[in-house]
PDB file of N, CA and C in Angstrom:
ATOM      1  N   UNK A   1     -12.886   8.034 -10.734  1.00  0.00           N
ATOM      2  CA  UNK A   1     -12.536   6.921  -9.850  1.00  0.00           C
ATOM      3  C   UNK A   1     -11.108   7.130  -9.349  1.00  0.00           C
ATOM      4  N   UNK A   2     -10.893   6.781  -8.099  1.00  0.00           N
ATOM      5  CA  UNK A   2      -9.601   6.913  -7.422  1.00  0.00           C
ATOM      6  C   UNK A   2      -9.125   5.519  -7.017  1.00  0.00           C
ATOM      7  N   UNK A   3      -7.823   5.287  -7.164  1.00  0.00           N
ATOM      8  CA  UNK A   3      -7.219   4.041  -6.698  1.00  0.00           C
ATOM      9  C   UNK A   3      -6.368   4.342  -5.478  1.00  0.00           C
ATOM     10  N   UNK A   4      -6.730   3.749  -4.367  1.00  0.00           N
ATOM     11  CA  UNK A   4      -5.931   3.812  -3.141  1.00  0.00           C
ATOM     12  C   UNK A   4      -4.934   2.662  -3.183  1.00  0.00           C
ATOM     13  N   UNK A   5      -3.663   2.960  -2.926  1.00  0.00           N
ATOM     14  CA  UNK A   5      -2.606   1.945  -2.933  1.00  0.00           C
ATOM     15  C   UNK A   5      -1.896   1.974  -1.592  1.00  0.00           C
ATOM     16  N   UNK A   6      -1.850   0.827  -0.925  1.00  0.00           N
ATOM     17  CA  UNK A   6      -1.155   0.719   0.359  1.00  0.00           C
ATOM     18  C   UNK A   6      -0.255  -0.507   0.338  1.00  0.00           C
ATOM     19  N   UNK A   7       1.014  -0.299   0.656  1.00  0.00           N
ATOM     20  CA  UNK A   7       1.947  -1.409   0.823  1.00  0.00           C
ATOM     21  C   UNK A   7       1.900  -1.789   2.300  1.00  0.00           C
ATOM     22  N   UNK A   8       1.573  -3.047   2.563  1.00  0.00           N
ATOM     23  CA  UNK A   8       1.397  -3.526   3.936  1.00  0.00           C
ATOM     24  C   UNK A   8       2.536  -4.464   4.312  1.00  0.00           C
ATOM     25  N   UNK A   9       3.381  -4.028   5.226  1.00  0.00           N
ATOM     26  CA  UNK A   9       4.427  -4.878   5.783  1.00  0.00           C
ATOM     27  C   UNK A   9       3.895  -5.432   7.099  1.00  0.00           C
ATOM     28  N   UNK A  10       3.758  -6.743   7.137  1.00  0.00           N
ATOM     29  CA  UNK A  10       3.164  -7.425   8.285  1.00  0.00           C
ATOM     30  C   UNK A  10       4.281  -7.913   9.211  1.00  0.00           C
ATOM     31  N   UNK A  11       4.048  -7.803  10.504  1.00  0.00           N
ATOM     32  CA  UNK A  11       5.033  -8.289  11.472  1.00  0.00           C
ATOM     33  C   UNK A  11       5.344  -9.755  11.180  1.00  0.00           C
ATOM     34  N   UNK A  12       6.618 -10.075  11.274  1.00  0.00           N
ATOM     35  CA  UNK A  12       7.111 -11.411  10.940  1.00  0.00           C
ATOM     36  C   UNK A  12       6.304 -12.509  11.630  1.00  0.00           C
ATOM     37  N   UNK A  13       5.869 -13.466  10.830  1.00  0.00           N
ATOM     38  CA  UNK A  13       5.160 -14.621  11.355  1.00  0.00           C
ATOM     39  C   UNK A  13       3.662 -14.440  11.540  1.00  0.00           C
ATOM     40  N   UNK A  14       3.129 -13.264  11.231  1.00  0.00           N
ATOM     41  CA  UNK A  14       1.706 -13.020  11.463  1.00  0.00           C
ATOM     42  C   UNK A  14       0.870 -12.988  10.178  1.00  0.00           C
ATOM     43  N   UNK A  15       1.461 -13.365   9.060  1.00  0.00           N
ATOM     44  CA  UNK A  15       0.744 -13.254   7.788  1.00  0.00           C
ATOM     45  C   UNK A  15      -0.520 -14.107   7.716  1.00  0.00           C
ATOM     46  N   UNK A  16      -0.472 -15.323   8.200  1.00  0.00           N
ATOM     47  CA  UNK A  16      -1.665 -16.180   8.147  1.00  0.00           C
ATOM     48  C   UNK A  16      -2.790 -15.589   8.988  1.00  0.00           C
ATOM     49  N   UNK A  17      -2.463 -15.109  10.170  1.00  0.00           N
ATOM     50  CA  UNK A  17      -3.473 -14.486  11.031  1.00  0.00           C
ATOM     51  C   UNK A  17      -4.005 -13.207  10.385  1.00  0.00           C
ATOM     52  N   UNK A  18      -3.103 -12.427   9.765  1.00  0.00           N
ATOM     53  CA  UNK A  18      -3.522 -11.214   9.065  1.00  0.00           C
ATOM     54  C   UNK A  18      -4.520 -11.551   7.958  1.00  0.00           C
ATOM     55  N   UNK A  19      -4.224 -12.557   7.158  1.00  0.00           N
ATOM     56  CA  UNK A  19      -5.121 -12.933   6.056  1.00  0.00           C
ATOM     57  C   UNK A  19      -6.500 -13.333   6.570  1.00  0.00           C
ATOM     58  N   UNK A  20      -6.560 -14.090   7.641  1.00  0.00           N
ATOM     59  CA  UNK A  20      -7.844 -14.493   8.226  1.00  0.00           C
ATOM     60  C   UNK A  20      -8.608 -13.277   8.738  1.00  0.00           C
ATOM     61  N   UNK A  21      -7.907 -12.372   9.401  1.00  0.00           N
ATOM     62  CA  UNK A  21      -8.534 -11.173   9.946  1.00  0.00           C
ATOM     63  C   UNK A  21      -9.007 -10.255   8.821  1.00  0.00           C
ATOM     64  N   UNK A  22      -8.231 -10.193   7.743  1.00  0.00           N
ATOM     65  CA  UNK A  22      -8.608  -9.343   6.618  1.00  0.00           C
ATOM     66  C   UNK A  22      -9.933  -9.806   5.998  1.00  0.00           C
ATOM     67  N   UNK A  23     -10.203 -11.103   6.013  1.00  0.00           N
ATOM     68  CA  UNK A  23     -11.478 -11.613   5.487  1.00  0.00           C
ATOM     69  C   UNK A  23     -12.660 -10.996   6.226  1.00  0.00           C
ATOM     70  N   UNK A  24     -12.500 -10.742   7.513  1.00  0.00           N
ATOM     71  CA  UNK A  24     -13.540 -10.079   8.298  1.00  0.00           C
ATOM     72  C   UNK A  24     -13.548  -8.582   7.974  1.00  0.00           C
ATOM     73  N   UNK A  25     -12.371  -7.971   7.966  1.00  0.00           N
ATOM     74  CA  UNK A  25     -12.258  -6.523   7.769  1.00  0.00           C
ATOM     75  C   UNK A  25     -12.747  -6.087   6.392  1.00  0.00           C
ATOM     76  N   UNK A  26     -12.587  -6.927   5.385  1.00  0.00           N
ATOM     77  CA  UNK A  26     -13.012  -6.520   4.038  1.00  0.00           C
ATOM     78  C   UNK A  26     -14.518  -6.312   3.949  1.00  0.00           C
ATOM     79  N   UNK A  27     -15.257  -6.932   4.832  1.00  0.00           N
ATOM     80  CA  UNK A  27     -16.706  -6.707   4.866  1.00  0.00           C
ATOM     81  C   UNK A  27     -17.019  -5.274   5.297  1.00  0.00           C
ATOM     82  N   UNK A  28     -16.168  -4.719   6.145  1.00  0.00           N
ATOM     83  CA  UNK A  28     -16.356  -3.342   6.606  1.00  0.00           C
ATOM     84  C   UNK A  28     -16.139  -2.374   5.455  1.00  0.00           C
ATOM     85  N   UNK A  29     -14.983  -2.479   4.801  1.00  0.00           N
ATOM     86  CA  UNK A  29     -14.650  -1.510   3.758  1.00  0.00           C
ATOM     87  C   UNK A  29     -15.603  -1.625   2.569  1.00  0.00           C
ATOM     88  N   UNK A  30     -16.002  -2.829   2.251  1.00  0.00           N
ATOM     89  CA  UNK A  30     -16.869  -3.014   1.077  1.00  0.00           C
ATOM     90  C   UNK A  30     -18.289  -2.494   1.301  1.00  0.00           C
ATOM     91  N   UNK A  31     -18.628  -2.161   2.540  1.00  0.00           N
ATOM     92  CA  UNK A  31     -19.961  -1.635   2.835  1.00  0.00           C
ATOM     93  C   UNK A  31     -20.011  -0.103   2.807  1.00  0.00           C
ATOM     94  N   UNK A  32     -18.869   0.535   2.595  1.00  0.00           N
ATOM     95  CA  UNK A  32     -18.787   1.986   2.703  1.00  0.00           C
ATOM     96  C   UNK A  32     -19.270   2.692   1.443  1.00  0.00           C
ATOM     97  N   UNK A  33     -19.840   3.885   1.641  1.00  0.00           N
ATOM     98  CA  UNK A  33     -20.275   4.719   0.530  1.00  0.00           C
ATOM     99  C   UNK A  33     -19.065   5.060  -0.338  1.00  0.00           C
ATOM    100  N   UNK A  34     -19.213   4.934  -1.641  1.00  0.00           N
ATOM    101  CA  UNK A  34     -18.150   5.273  -2.569  1.00  0.00           C
ATOM    102  C   UNK A  34     -17.182   4.149  -2.866  1.00  0.00           C
ATOM    103  N   UNK A  35     -17.282   3.051  -2.110  1.00  0.00           N
ATOM    104  CA  UNK A  35     -16.426   1.889  -2.361  1.00  0.00           C
ATOM    105  C   UNK A  35     -16.836   1.244  -3.684  1.00  0.00           C
ATOM    106  N   UNK A  36     -15.837   0.873  -4.488  1.00  0.00           N
ATOM    107  CA  UNK A  36     -16.111   0.187  -5.753  1.00  0.00           C
ATOM    108  C   UNK A  36     -15.610  -1.258  -5.703  1.00  0.00           C
ATOM    109  N   UNK A  37     -14.323  -1.439  -5.379  1.00  0.00           N
ATOM    110  CA  UNK A  37     -13.754  -2.789  -5.333  1.00  0.00           C
ATOM    111  C   UNK A  37     -12.406  -2.745  -4.626  1.00  0.00           C
ATOM    112  N   UNK A  38     -11.897  -3.930  -4.287  1.00  0.00           N
ATOM    113  CA  UNK A  38     -10.558  -4.001  -3.699  1.00  0.00           C
ATOM    114  C   UNK A  38      -9.894  -5.327  -4.049  1.00  0.00           C
ATOM    115  N   UNK A  39      -8.572  -5.322  -3.926  1.00  0.00           N
ATOM    116  CA  UNK A  39      -7.775  -6.534  -4.080  1.00  0.00           C
ATOM    117  C   UNK A  39      -6.662  -6.498  -3.041  1.00  0.00           C
ATOM    118  N   UNK A  40      -6.400  -7.622  -2.428  1.00  0.00           N
ATOM    119  CA  UNK A  40      -5.251  -7.791  -1.548  1.00  0.00           C
ATOM    120  C   UNK A  40      -4.351  -8.817  -2.210  1.00  0.00           C
ATOM    121  N   UNK A  41      -3.104  -8.438  -2.480  1.00  0.00           N
ATOM    122  CA  UNK A  41      -2.155  -9.312  -3.163  1.00  0.00           C
ATOM    123  C   UNK A  41      -0.946  -9.550  -2.272  1.00  0.00           C
ATOM    124  N   UNK A  42      -0.507 -10.810  -2.189  1.00  0.00           N
ATOM    125  CA  UNK A  42       0.668 -11.185  -1.398  1.00  0.00           C
ATOM    126  C   UNK A  42       1.911 -11.101  -2.281  1.00  0.00           C
ATOM    127  N   UNK A  43       2.959 -10.525  -1.740  1.00  0.00           N
ATOM    128  CA  UNK A  43       4.219 -10.386  -2.458  1.00  0.00           C
ATOM    129  C   UNK A  43       4.888 -11.757  -2.633  1.00  0.00           C
ATOM    130  N   UNK A  44       5.445 -11.980  -3.790  1.00  0.00           N
ATOM    131  CA  UNK A  44       6.155 -13.232  -4.061  1.00  0.00           C
ATOM    132  C   UNK A  44       7.549 -13.210  -3.433  1.00  0.00           C
ATOM    133  N   UNK A  45       8.230 -12.063  -3.518  1.00  0.00           N
ATOM    134  CA  UNK A  45       9.613 -11.979  -3.057  1.00  0.00           C
ATOM    135  C   UNK A  45       9.759 -11.849  -1.544  1.00  0.00           C
ATOM    136  N   UNK A  46       8.766 -11.275  -0.881  1.00  0.00           N
ATOM    137  CA  UNK A  46       8.849 -11.062   0.570  1.00  0.00           C
ATOM    138  C   UNK A  46       7.627 -11.671   1.250  1.00  0.00           C
ATOM    139  N   UNK A  47       7.871 -12.615   2.156  1.00  0.00           N
ATOM    140  CA  UNK A  47       6.796 -13.392   2.777  1.00  0.00           C
ATOM    141  C   UNK A  47       5.726 -12.566   3.489  1.00  0.00           C
ATOM    142  N   UNK A  48       6.120 -11.553   4.197  1.00  0.00           N
ATOM    143  CA  UNK A  48       5.178 -10.822   5.038  1.00  0.00           C
ATOM    144  C   UNK A  48       4.821  -9.453   4.452  1.00  0.00           C
ATOM    145  N   UNK A  49       4.691  -9.390   3.136  1.00  0.00           N
ATOM    146  CA  UNK A  49       4.389  -8.127   2.463  1.00  0.00           C
ATOM    147  C   UNK A  49       3.203  -8.305   1.519  1.00  0.00           C
ATOM    148  N   UNK A  50       2.319  -7.294   1.526  1.00  0.00           N
ATOM    149  CA  UNK A  50       1.116  -7.318   0.695  1.00  0.00           C
ATOM    150  C   UNK A  50       0.931  -5.945   0.062  1.00  0.00           C
ATOM    151  N   UNK A  51       0.112  -5.901  -0.977  1.00  0.00           N
ATOM    152  CA  UNK A  51      -0.354  -4.640  -1.521  1.00  0.00           C
ATOM    153  C   UNK A  51      -1.877  -4.667  -1.475  1.00  0.00           C
ATOM    154  N   UNK A  52      -2.447  -3.563  -1.007  1.00  0.00           N
ATOM    155  CA  UNK A  52      -3.896  -3.418  -0.959  1.00  0.00           C
ATOM    156  C   UNK A  52      -4.285  -2.341  -1.964  1.00  0.00           C
ATOM    157  N   UNK A  53      -5.160  -2.690  -2.881  1.00  0.00           N
ATOM    158  CA  UNK A  53      -5.660  -1.783  -3.914  1.00  0.00           C
ATOM    159  C   UNK A  53      -7.156  -1.618  -3.702  1.00  0.00           C
ATOM    160  N   UNK A  54      -7.586  -0.378  -3.503  1.00  0.00           N
ATOM    161  CA  UNK A  54      -9.015  -0.123  -3.286  1.00  0.00           C
ATOM    162  C   UNK A  54      -9.464   0.963  -4.256  1.00  0.00           C
ATOM    163  N   UNK A  55     -10.499   0.660  -5.024  1.00  0.00           N
ATOM    164  CA  UNK A  55     -11.104   1.653  -5.913  1.00  0.00           C
ATOM    165  C   UNK A  55     -12.250   2.355  -5.184  1.00  0.00           C
ATOM    166  N   UNK A  56     -12.185   3.689  -5.207  1.00  0.00           N
ATOM    167  CA  UNK A  56     -13.208   4.543  -4.608  1.00  0.00           C
ATOM    168  C   UNK A  56     -13.773   5.456  -5.677  1.00  0.00           C
ATOM    169  N   UNK A  57     -15.007   5.893  -5.493  1.00  0.00           N
ATOM    170  CA  UNK A  57     -15.582   6.856  -6.423  1.00  0.00           C
ATOM    171  C   UNK A  57     -14.838   8.181  -6.354  1.00  0.00           C
ATOM    172  N   UNK A  58     -14.527   8.655  -5.131  1.00  0.00           N
ATOM    173  CA  UNK A  58     -13.798   9.916  -4.945  1.00  0.00           C
ATOM    174  C   UNK A  58     -12.790   9.755  -3.813  1.00  0.00           C
ATOM    175  N   UNK A  59     -11.817  10.646  -3.777  1.00  0.00           N
ATOM    176  CA  UNK A  59     -10.839  10.621  -2.680  1.00  0.00           C
ATOM    177  C   UNK A  59     -11.524  10.944  -1.351  1.00  0.00           C
ATOM    178  N   UNK A  60     -12.564  11.791  -1.394  1.00  0.00           N
ATOM    179  CA  UNK A  60     -13.305  12.128  -0.181  1.00  0.00           C
ATOM    180  C   UNK A  60     -14.014  10.908   0.402  1.00  0.00           C
ATOM    181  N   UNK A  61     -14.468   9.999  -0.463  1.00  0.00           N
ATOM    182  CA  UNK A  61     -15.101   8.768   0.034  1.00  0.00           C
ATOM    183  C   UNK A  61     -14.135   7.981   0.904  1.00  0.00           C
ATOM    184  N   UNK A  62     -12.856   7.992   0.545  1.00  0.00           N
ATOM    185  CA  UNK A  62     -11.857   7.293   1.345  1.00  0.00           C
ATOM    186  C   UNK A  62     -11.405   8.127   2.541  1.00  0.00           C
ATOM    187  N   UNK A  63     -10.919   9.347   2.264  1.00  0.00           N
ATOM    188  CA  UNK A  63     -10.295  10.175   3.293  1.00  0.00           C
ATOM    189  C   UNK A  63     -11.268  10.673   4.349  1.00  0.00           C
ATOM    190  N   UNK A  64     -12.484  10.971   3.959  1.00  0.00           N
ATOM    191  CA  UNK A  64     -13.470  11.514   4.908  1.00  0.00           C
ATOM    192  C   UNK A  64     -14.519  10.453   5.250  1.00  0.00           C
ATOM    193  N   UNK A  65     -15.195   9.940   4.222  1.00  0.00           N
ATOM    194  CA  UNK A  65     -16.281   8.992   4.441  1.00  0.00           C
ATOM    195  C   UNK A  65     -15.864   7.739   5.188  1.00  0.00           C
ATOM    196  N   UNK A  66     -14.708   7.173   4.820  1.00  0.00           N
ATOM    197  CA  UNK A  66     -14.243   5.966   5.489  1.00  0.00           C
ATOM    198  C   UNK A  66     -13.364   6.289   6.692  1.00  0.00           C
ATOM    199  N   UNK A  67     -12.326   7.061   6.487  1.00  0.00           N
ATOM    200  CA  UNK A  67     -11.339   7.309   7.546  1.00  0.00           C
ATOM    201  C   UNK A  67     -11.906   8.046   8.757  1.00  0.00           C
ATOM    202  N   UNK A  68     -12.981   8.783   8.583  1.00  0.00           N
ATOM    203  CA  UNK A  68     -13.558   9.510   9.713  1.00  0.00           C
ATOM    204  C   UNK A  68     -14.830   8.844  10.235  1.00  0.00           C
ATOM    205  N   UNK A  69     -15.019   7.588   9.876  1.00  0.00           N
ATOM    206  CA  UNK A  69     -16.245   6.876  10.257  1.00  0.00           C
ATOM    207  C   UNK A  69     -16.029   5.971  11.472  1.00  0.00           C
ATOM    208  N   UNK A  70     -17.141   5.572  12.062  1.00  0.00           N
ATOM    209  CA  UNK A  70     -17.112   4.589  13.142  1.00  0.00           C
ATOM    210  C   UNK A  70     -16.623   3.239  12.614  1.00  0.00           C
ATOM    211  N   UNK A  71     -16.970   2.927  11.373  1.00  0.00           N
ATOM    212  CA  UNK A  71     -16.532   1.670  10.753  1.00  0.00           C
ATOM    213  C   UNK A  71     -15.006   1.598  10.656  1.00  0.00           C
ATOM    214  N   UNK A  72     -14.380   2.752  10.410  1.00  0.00           N
ATOM    215  CA  UNK A  72     -12.916   2.778  10.338  1.00  0.00           C
ATOM    216  C   UNK A  72     -12.300   2.384  11.678  1.00  0.00           C
ATOM    217  N   UNK A  73     -12.936   2.745  12.760  1.00  0.00           N
ATOM    218  CA  UNK A  73     -12.433   2.359  14.081  1.00  0.00           C
ATOM    219  C   UNK A  73     -12.443   0.836  14.237  1.00  0.00           C
ATOM    220  N   UNK A  74     -13.445   0.178  13.673  1.00  0.00           N
ATOM    221  CA  UNK A  74     -13.494  -1.289  13.685  1.00  0.00           C
ATOM    222  C   UNK A  74     -12.380  -1.865  12.816  1.00  0.00           C
ATOM    223  N   UNK A  75     -12.205  -1.286  11.615  1.00  0.00           N
ATOM    224  CA  UNK A  75     -11.135  -1.692  10.685  1.00  0.00           C
ATOM    225  C   UNK A  75      -9.772  -1.565  11.380  1.00  0.00           C
ATOM    226  N   UNK A  76      -9.572  -0.423  12.012  1.00  0.00           N
ATOM    227  CA  UNK A  76      -8.324  -0.130  12.711  1.00  0.00           C
ATOM    228  C   UNK A  76      -8.073  -1.147  13.827  1.00  0.00           C
ATOM    229  N   UNK A  77      -9.090  -1.445  14.621  1.00  0.00           N
ATOM    230  CA  UNK A  77      -8.964  -2.403  15.724  1.00  0.00           C
ATOM    231  C   UNK A  77      -8.601  -3.792  15.215  1.00  0.00           C
ATOM    232  N   UNK A  78      -9.122  -4.159  14.059  1.00  0.00           N
ATOM    233  CA  UNK A  78      -8.834  -5.472  13.490  1.00  0.00           C
ATOM    234  C   UNK A  78      -7.428  -5.566  12.889  1.00  0.00           C
ATOM    235  N   UNK A  79      -6.998  -4.535  12.154  1.00  0.00           N
ATOM    236  CA  UNK A  79      -5.821  -4.672  11.294  1.00  0.00           C
ATOM    237  C   UNK A  79      -4.565  -3.926  11.716  1.00  0.00           C
ATOM    238  N   UNK A  80      -4.686  -2.819  12.377  1.00  0.00           N
ATOM    239  CA  UNK A  80      -3.499  -1.977  12.591  1.00  0.00           C
ATOM    240  C   UNK A  80      -2.420  -2.635  13.435  1.00  0.00           C
ATOM    241  N   UNK A  81      -2.765  -3.592  14.238  1.00  0.00           N
ATOM    242  CA  UNK A  81      -1.760  -4.264  15.078  1.00  0.00           C
ATOM    243  C   UNK A  81      -0.789  -5.128  14.272  1.00  0.00           C
ATOM    244  N   UNK A  82      -1.146  -5.437  13.023  1.00  0.00           N
ATOM    245  CA  UNK A  82      -0.302  -6.296  12.193  1.00  0.00           C
ATOM    246  C   UNK A  82       0.828  -5.549  11.495  1.00  0.00           C
ATOM    247  N   UNK A  83       0.730  -4.233  11.351  1.00  0.00           N
ATOM    248  CA  UNK A  83       1.639  -3.472  10.498  1.00  0.00           C
ATOM    249  C   UNK A  83       2.918  -3.056  11.205  1.00  0.00           C
ATOM    250  N   UNK A  84       4.043  -3.217  10.481  1.00  0.00           N
ATOM    251  CA  UNK A  84       5.327  -2.715  10.964  1.00  0.00           C
ATOM    252  C   UNK A  84       6.253  -2.520   9.784  1.00  0.00           C
ATOM    253  N   UNK A  85       6.495  -1.281   9.383  1.00  0.00           N
ATOM    254  CA  UNK A  85       5.954  -0.025   9.904  1.00  0.00           C
ATOM    255  C   UNK A  85       4.523   0.204   9.408  1.00  0.00           C
ATOM    256  N   UNK A  86       3.915   1.285   9.892  1.00  0.00           N
ATOM    257  CA  UNK A  86       2.573   1.612   9.448  1.00  0.00           C
ATOM    258  C   UNK A  86       2.624   1.957   7.954  1.00  0.00           C
ATOM    259  N   UNK A  87       1.658   1.477   7.180  1.00  0.00           N
ATOM    260  CA  UNK A  87       1.724   1.666   5.725  1.00  0.00           C
ATOM    261  C   UNK A  87       1.554   3.111   5.273  1.00  0.00           C
ATOM    262  N   UNK A  88       2.234   3.414   4.192  1.00  0.00           N
ATOM    263  CA  UNK A  88       2.016   4.665   3.475  1.00  0.00           C
ATOM    264  C   UNK A  88       0.900   4.411   2.477  1.00  0.00           C
ATOM    265  N   UNK A  89      -0.057   5.320   2.429  1.00  0.00           N
ATOM    266  CA  UNK A  89      -1.193   5.182   1.519  1.00  0.00           C
ATOM    267  C   UNK A  89      -1.132   6.315   0.500  1.00  0.00           C
ATOM    268  N   UNK A  90      -1.263   5.967  -0.767  1.00  0.00           N
ATOM    269  CA  UNK A  90      -1.264   6.955  -1.844  1.00  0.00           C
ATOM    270  C   UNK A  90      -2.504   6.757  -2.699  1.00  0.00           C
ATOM    271  N   UNK A  91      -2.853   7.809  -3.431  1.00  0.00           N
ATOM    272  CA  UNK A  91      -4.038   7.787  -4.291  1.00  0.00           C
ATOM    273  C   UNK A  91      -3.639   8.095  -5.725  1.00  0.00           C
ATOM    274  N   UNK A  92      -4.255   7.394  -6.661  1.00  0.00           N
ATOM    275  CA  UNK A  92      -3.956   7.544  -8.086  1.00  0.00           C
ATOM    276  C   UNK A  92      -5.235   7.706  -8.878  1.00  0.00           C
ATOM    277  N   UNK A  93      -5.109   8.399 -10.029  1.00  0.00           N
ATOM    278  CA  UNK A  93      -6.254   8.560 -10.922  1.00  0.00           C
ATOM    279  C   UNK A  93      -6.071   7.659 -12.130  1.00  0.00           C
TER     280      UNK A  93
END
């Protein structure tokens, strides 16, 4: 199992809209092959900051299966406009 970790810095003032949009987007990621679970956590110290934790069966399920899919284009259209700067994504075992 692989843990994907992304720190999400949201453009100032857009956190509520981001959270609502994420409720739609999470349906996309949770339908993907190799997806196990995810959590989105809001930072206590910084208003517009979140951490996204996604468990995948393999790194390929995330990097190839999800990131190179048509579904990822939908995910991107929904969420990428909220990020500033674009998040760094890392994987852990």
